Amino acid sequence: MEAITINKHTQRSRGRPKQAKDDLSIQEVIIATASKLFLEMGYETLSLHEIAKACNVSKPTIYYYFTSKSELLKVAIITMLKNVHRNTMRLLNETDNVEAGLILVAEARIASPHIKVEMLLKEAESSLSEEQLQQIRDAEQRVYLLLSDFFQAAMDKGLLRKDDPLFLAYTFSTMLLISNREDTMHLHASHLELAKKVVGLFLKGTLA
């Protein structure tokens, strides 16, 4: 009698969610949905059950991909920071003009819920491990380093006065964070107007 072989790759691991698409697509849905809900509801009040319901999956499915709510939050924040990094790089590459590039970045950042991410992280900080916090800080640092490289290139061309480019990246980002406050937004008609104001103030102290 001919032996019957079983392809181990076709067997479904115990607890693994059934799906028609690849694993990553479900994981991406969970991350995107969780990111939105975390920003809207905060960390403490939002449950994994609510996230699962919004994703139309079971709670065990959430646990299949993420070991805990804090781990899901960490991945959600890092994913948002990776998006910020990718969009910032794209915008800075759209123009060789320092002011125009910074305005594009500022407008995009002011339009995003960046301050909510900062508030969310502050709320959840005690629930995150030091390793999780460090991974988030590393992702955030990559955004600062991207801006730092941009400022260094502008200095090398004589467009900005010589200074610590990383310090300028921190300063510029802090100005954007303040501008992202809702009470500040009420003072201006548009994100573009506020972006131009912030960049104008920033460049007054940095132009060569």
Protein backbone atom coordinates (compact mmCIF):
# COMPACT_ATOMS: atom_id res chain seq x y z
CA MET A 1 0.00 0.00 0.00
CA GLU A 2 1.40 3.38 -0.98
CA ALA A 3 2.23 5.60 1.96
CA ILE A 4 0.23 8.81 2.35
CA THR A 5 2.34 11.91 2.96
CA ILE A 6 1.10 15.10 4.53
CA ASN A 7 2.57 18.41 3.50
CA LYS A 8 3.28 20.15 6.79
CA HIS A 9 2.94 23.53 5.08
CA THR A 10 -0.75 22.89 4.46
CA GLN A 11 -1.53 22.18 8.08
CA ARG A 12 -2.96 25.05 10.08
CA SER A 13 -1.31 25.78 13.40
CA ARG A 14 -3.55 25.48 16.39
CA GLY A 15 -5.27 28.76 17.12
CA ARG A 16 -4.29 30.21 13.78
CA PRO A 17 -7.18 32.20 12.24
CA LYS A 18 -8.72 30.94 9.02
CA GLN A 19 -8.32 33.34 6.16
CA ALA A 20 -8.64 33.63 2.45
CA LYS A 21 -5.72 36.04 2.13
CA ASP A 22 -2.18 35.97 3.47
CA ASP A 23 -1.37 36.48 7.15
CA LEU A 24 0.02 39.97 6.65
CA SER A 25 -3.26 41.36 5.34
CA ILE A 26 -5.11 40.44 8.54
CA GLN A 27 -2.26 41.72 10.66
CA GLU A 28 -2.29 45.02 8.78
CA VAL A 29 -6.03 45.39 9.33
CA ILE A 30 -5.58 44.83 13.05
CA ILE A 31 -2.73 47.36 13.26
CA ALA A 32 -4.57 50.01 11.24
CA THR A 33 -7.80 49.57 13.18
CA ALA A 34 -6.04 49.51 16.54
CA SER A 35 -4.10 52.66 15.65
CA LYS A 36 -7.31 54.53 14.87
CA LEU A 37 -9.07 53.33 18.02
CA PHE A 38 -6.09 54.00 20.30
CA LEU A 39 -5.95 57.59 19.04
CA GLU A 40 -9.70 58.04 19.47
CA MET A 41 -10.22 56.29 22.81
CA GLY A 42 -6.82 56.19 24.50
CA TYR A 43 -4.96 53.18 25.84
CA GLU A 44 -6.63 52.40 29.17
CA THR A 45 -10.27 52.53 28.07
CA LEU A 46 -9.82 50.53 24.85
CA SER A 47 -10.04 46.75 25.17
CA LEU A 48 -8.78 44.02 22.87
CA HIS A 49 -12.37 42.82 22.61
CA GLU A 50 -13.37 46.18 21.10
CA ILE A 51 -10.45 46.07 18.69
CA ALA A 52 -11.34 42.53 17.64
CA LYS A 53 -14.97 43.51 17.11
CA ALA A 54 -13.98 46.50 14.97
CA CYS A 55 -11.72 44.23 12.89
CA ASN A 56 -14.48 41.60 12.58
CA VAL A 57 -12.16 38.95 14.03
CA SER A 58 -12.12 37.00 17.29
CA LYS A 59 -10.10 37.99 20.33
CA PRO A 60 -7.93 34.85 19.97
CA THR A 61 -7.03 36.13 16.50
CA ILE A 62 -5.64 39.29 18.08
CA TYR A 63 -3.58 37.13 20.45
CA TYR A 64 -2.35 35.03 17.55
CA TYR A 65 -0.54 38.08 16.17
CA PHE A 66 0.15 40.07 19.34
CA THR A 67 1.02 38.78 22.80
CA SER A 68 -0.66 41.64 24.65
CA LYS A 69 -2.42 44.98 24.29
CA SER A 70 0.84 46.77 25.08
CA GLU A 71 2.59 44.88 22.28
CA LEU A 72 -0.17 45.84 19.86
CA LEU A 73 0.17 49.47 20.93
CA LYS A 74 3.93 49.35 20.42
CA VAL A 75 3.54 47.97 16.91
CA ALA A 76 0.79 50.50 16.12
CA ILE A 77 2.93 53.47 17.21
CA ILE A 78 6.02 52.19 15.40
CA THR A 79 3.94 51.68 12.25
CA MET A 80 2.70 55.27 12.48
CA LEU A 81 6.26 56.52 12.94
CA LYS A 82 7.42 54.49 9.93
CA ASN A 83 4.67 56.17 7.90
CA VAL A 84 5.86 59.57 9.13
CA HIS A 85 9.41 58.69 8.11
CA ARG A 86 8.36 57.49 4.65
CA ASN A 87 6.13 60.53 4.00
CA THR A 88 8.75 62.97 5.30
CA MET A 89 11.39 61.48 3.00
CA ARG A 90 9.04 61.70 0.03
CA LEU A 91 8.14 65.34 0.73
CA LEU A 92 11.73 66.45 1.28
CA ASN A 93 12.73 64.80 -1.99
CA GLU A 94 10.05 66.67 -3.93
CA THR A 95 12.02 69.93 -3.90
CA ASP A 96 15.60 71.20 -3.59
CA ASN A 97 14.33 74.36 -1.91
CA VAL A 98 14.84 74.23 1.87
CA GLU A 99 11.87 76.42 2.75
CA ALA A 100 9.49 74.71 0.32
CA GLY A 101 10.52 71.27 1.58
CA LEU A 102 10.03 72.21 5.22
CA ILE A 103 6.63 73.74 4.47
CA LEU A 104 5.52 70.50 2.80
CA VAL A 105 6.64 68.50 5.85
CA ALA A 106 5.13 70.97 8.30
CA GLU A 107 1.77 71.05 6.53
CA ALA A 108 1.59 67.25 6.50
CA ARG A 109 2.60 66.92 10.15
CA ILE A 110 0.21 69.63 11.34
CA ALA A 111 -2.63 67.89 9.50
CA SER A 112 -1.81 64.59 11.22
CA PRO A 113 -2.80 63.61 14.78
CA HIS A 114 0.84 63.68 15.93
CA ILE A 115 0.09 65.31 19.26
CA LYS A 116 -2.44 62.55 19.97
CA VAL A 117 0.32 59.98 19.47
CA GLU A 118 2.44 61.80 22.05
CA MET A 119 -0.46 61.90 24.51
CA LEU A 120 -1.24 58.23 23.88
CA LEU A 121 2.35 57.24 24.53
CA LYS A 122 2.44 59.26 27.75
CA GLU A 123 -0.76 57.58 28.96
CA ALA A 124 0.49 54.08 28.19
CA GLU A 125 4.12 54.55 29.23
CA SER A 126 3.73 52.72 32.55
CA SER A 127 2.21 49.71 30.74
CA LEU A 128 5.06 49.40 28.26
CA SER A 129 8.28 47.53 29.00
CA GLU A 130 11.63 49.27 28.70
CA GLU A 131 12.32 47.21 25.58
CA GLN A 132 9.03 48.30 23.99
CA LEU A 133 9.72 51.94 24.86
CA GLN A 134 13.20 51.70 23.39
CA GLN A 135 11.86 50.27 20.13
CA ILE A 136 9.44 53.20 19.91
CA ARG A 137 12.22 55.69 20.67
CA ASP A 138 14.39 54.09 17.97
CA ALA A 139 11.60 54.50 15.39
CA GLU A 140 11.12 58.12 16.44
CA GLN A 141 14.85 58.76 16.28
CA ARG A 142 14.92 57.65 12.64
CA VAL A 143 12.55 60.52 11.81
CA TYR A 144 14.83 62.99 13.59
CA LEU A 145 17.87 61.60 11.79
CA LEU A 146 16.13 62.03 8.44
CA LEU A 147 15.51 65.72 9.19
CA SER A 148 19.06 66.01 10.53
CA ASP A 149 20.48 64.74 7.23
CA PHE A 150 18.32 67.27 5.37
CA PHE A 151 19.61 70.14 7.51
CA GLN A 152 23.20 68.94 7.18
CA ALA A 153 22.89 68.88 3.40
CA ALA A 154 21.52 72.45 3.47
CA MET A 155 24.45 73.55 5.65
CA ASP A 156 26.93 71.93 3.28
CA LYS A 157 25.42 74.00 0.46
CA GLY A 158 25.70 77.18 2.53
CA LEU A 159 21.91 77.58 2.74
CA LEU A 160 21.77 77.31 6.53
CA ARG A 161 24.27 78.53 9.08
CA LYS A 162 26.44 75.91 10.72
CA ASP A 163 24.78 74.30 13.73
CA ASP A 164 24.06 70.89 15.22
CA PRO A 165 21.72 69.37 12.60
CA LEU A 166 20.16 66.92 15.08
CA PHE A 167 19.39 69.78 17.47
CA LEU A 168 17.67 71.59 14.59
CA ALA A 169 15.65 68.44 13.86
CA TYR A 170 14.49 68.26 17.47
CA THR A 171 13.67 71.99 17.51
CA PHE A 172 11.72 71.89 14.26
CA SER A 173 9.75 68.82 15.38
CA THR A 174 8.91 70.46 18.72
CA MET A 175 7.61 73.54 16.94
CA LEU A 176 5.39 71.32 14.82
CA LEU A 177 4.15 69.50 17.90
CA ILE A 178 3.13 72.77 19.53
CA SER A 179 1.47 73.88 16.29
CA ASN A 180 -0.52 70.64 16.24
CA ARG A 181 -2.40 71.62 19.40
CA GLU A 182 -6.11 72.16 18.83
CA ASP A 183 -6.11 75.55 20.61
CA THR A 184 -3.33 76.71 18.30
CA MET A 185 -5.14 75.44 15.22
CA HIS A 186 -8.11 77.68 16.00
CA LEU A 187 -5.91 80.74 15.44
CA HIS A 188 -5.27 79.95 11.79
CA ALA A 189 -7.39 79.41 8.70
CA SER A 190 -5.49 76.49 7.23
CA HIS A 191 -2.73 73.96 7.81
CA LEU A 192 -0.73 75.60 5.02
CA GLU A 193 -0.86 79.04 6.63
CA LEU A 194 0.28 77.64 9.97
CA ALA A 195 3.02 75.59 8.26
CA LYS A 196 4.36 78.73 6.54
CA LYS A 197 4.33 80.61 9.84
CA VAL A 198 6.20 77.87 11.70
CA VAL A 199 8.80 77.43 8.95
CA GLY A 200 9.25 81.20 8.69
CA LEU A 201 9.95 81.48 12.41
CA PHE A 202 12.27 78.47 12.33
CA LEU A 203 14.30 79.75 9.38
CA LYS A 204 14.78 83.18 10.93
CA GLY A 205 17.15 81.56 13.38
CA THR A 206 18.85 79.17 10.97
CA LEU A 207 19.35 80.91 7.62
CA ALA A 208 22.94 81.62 6.65
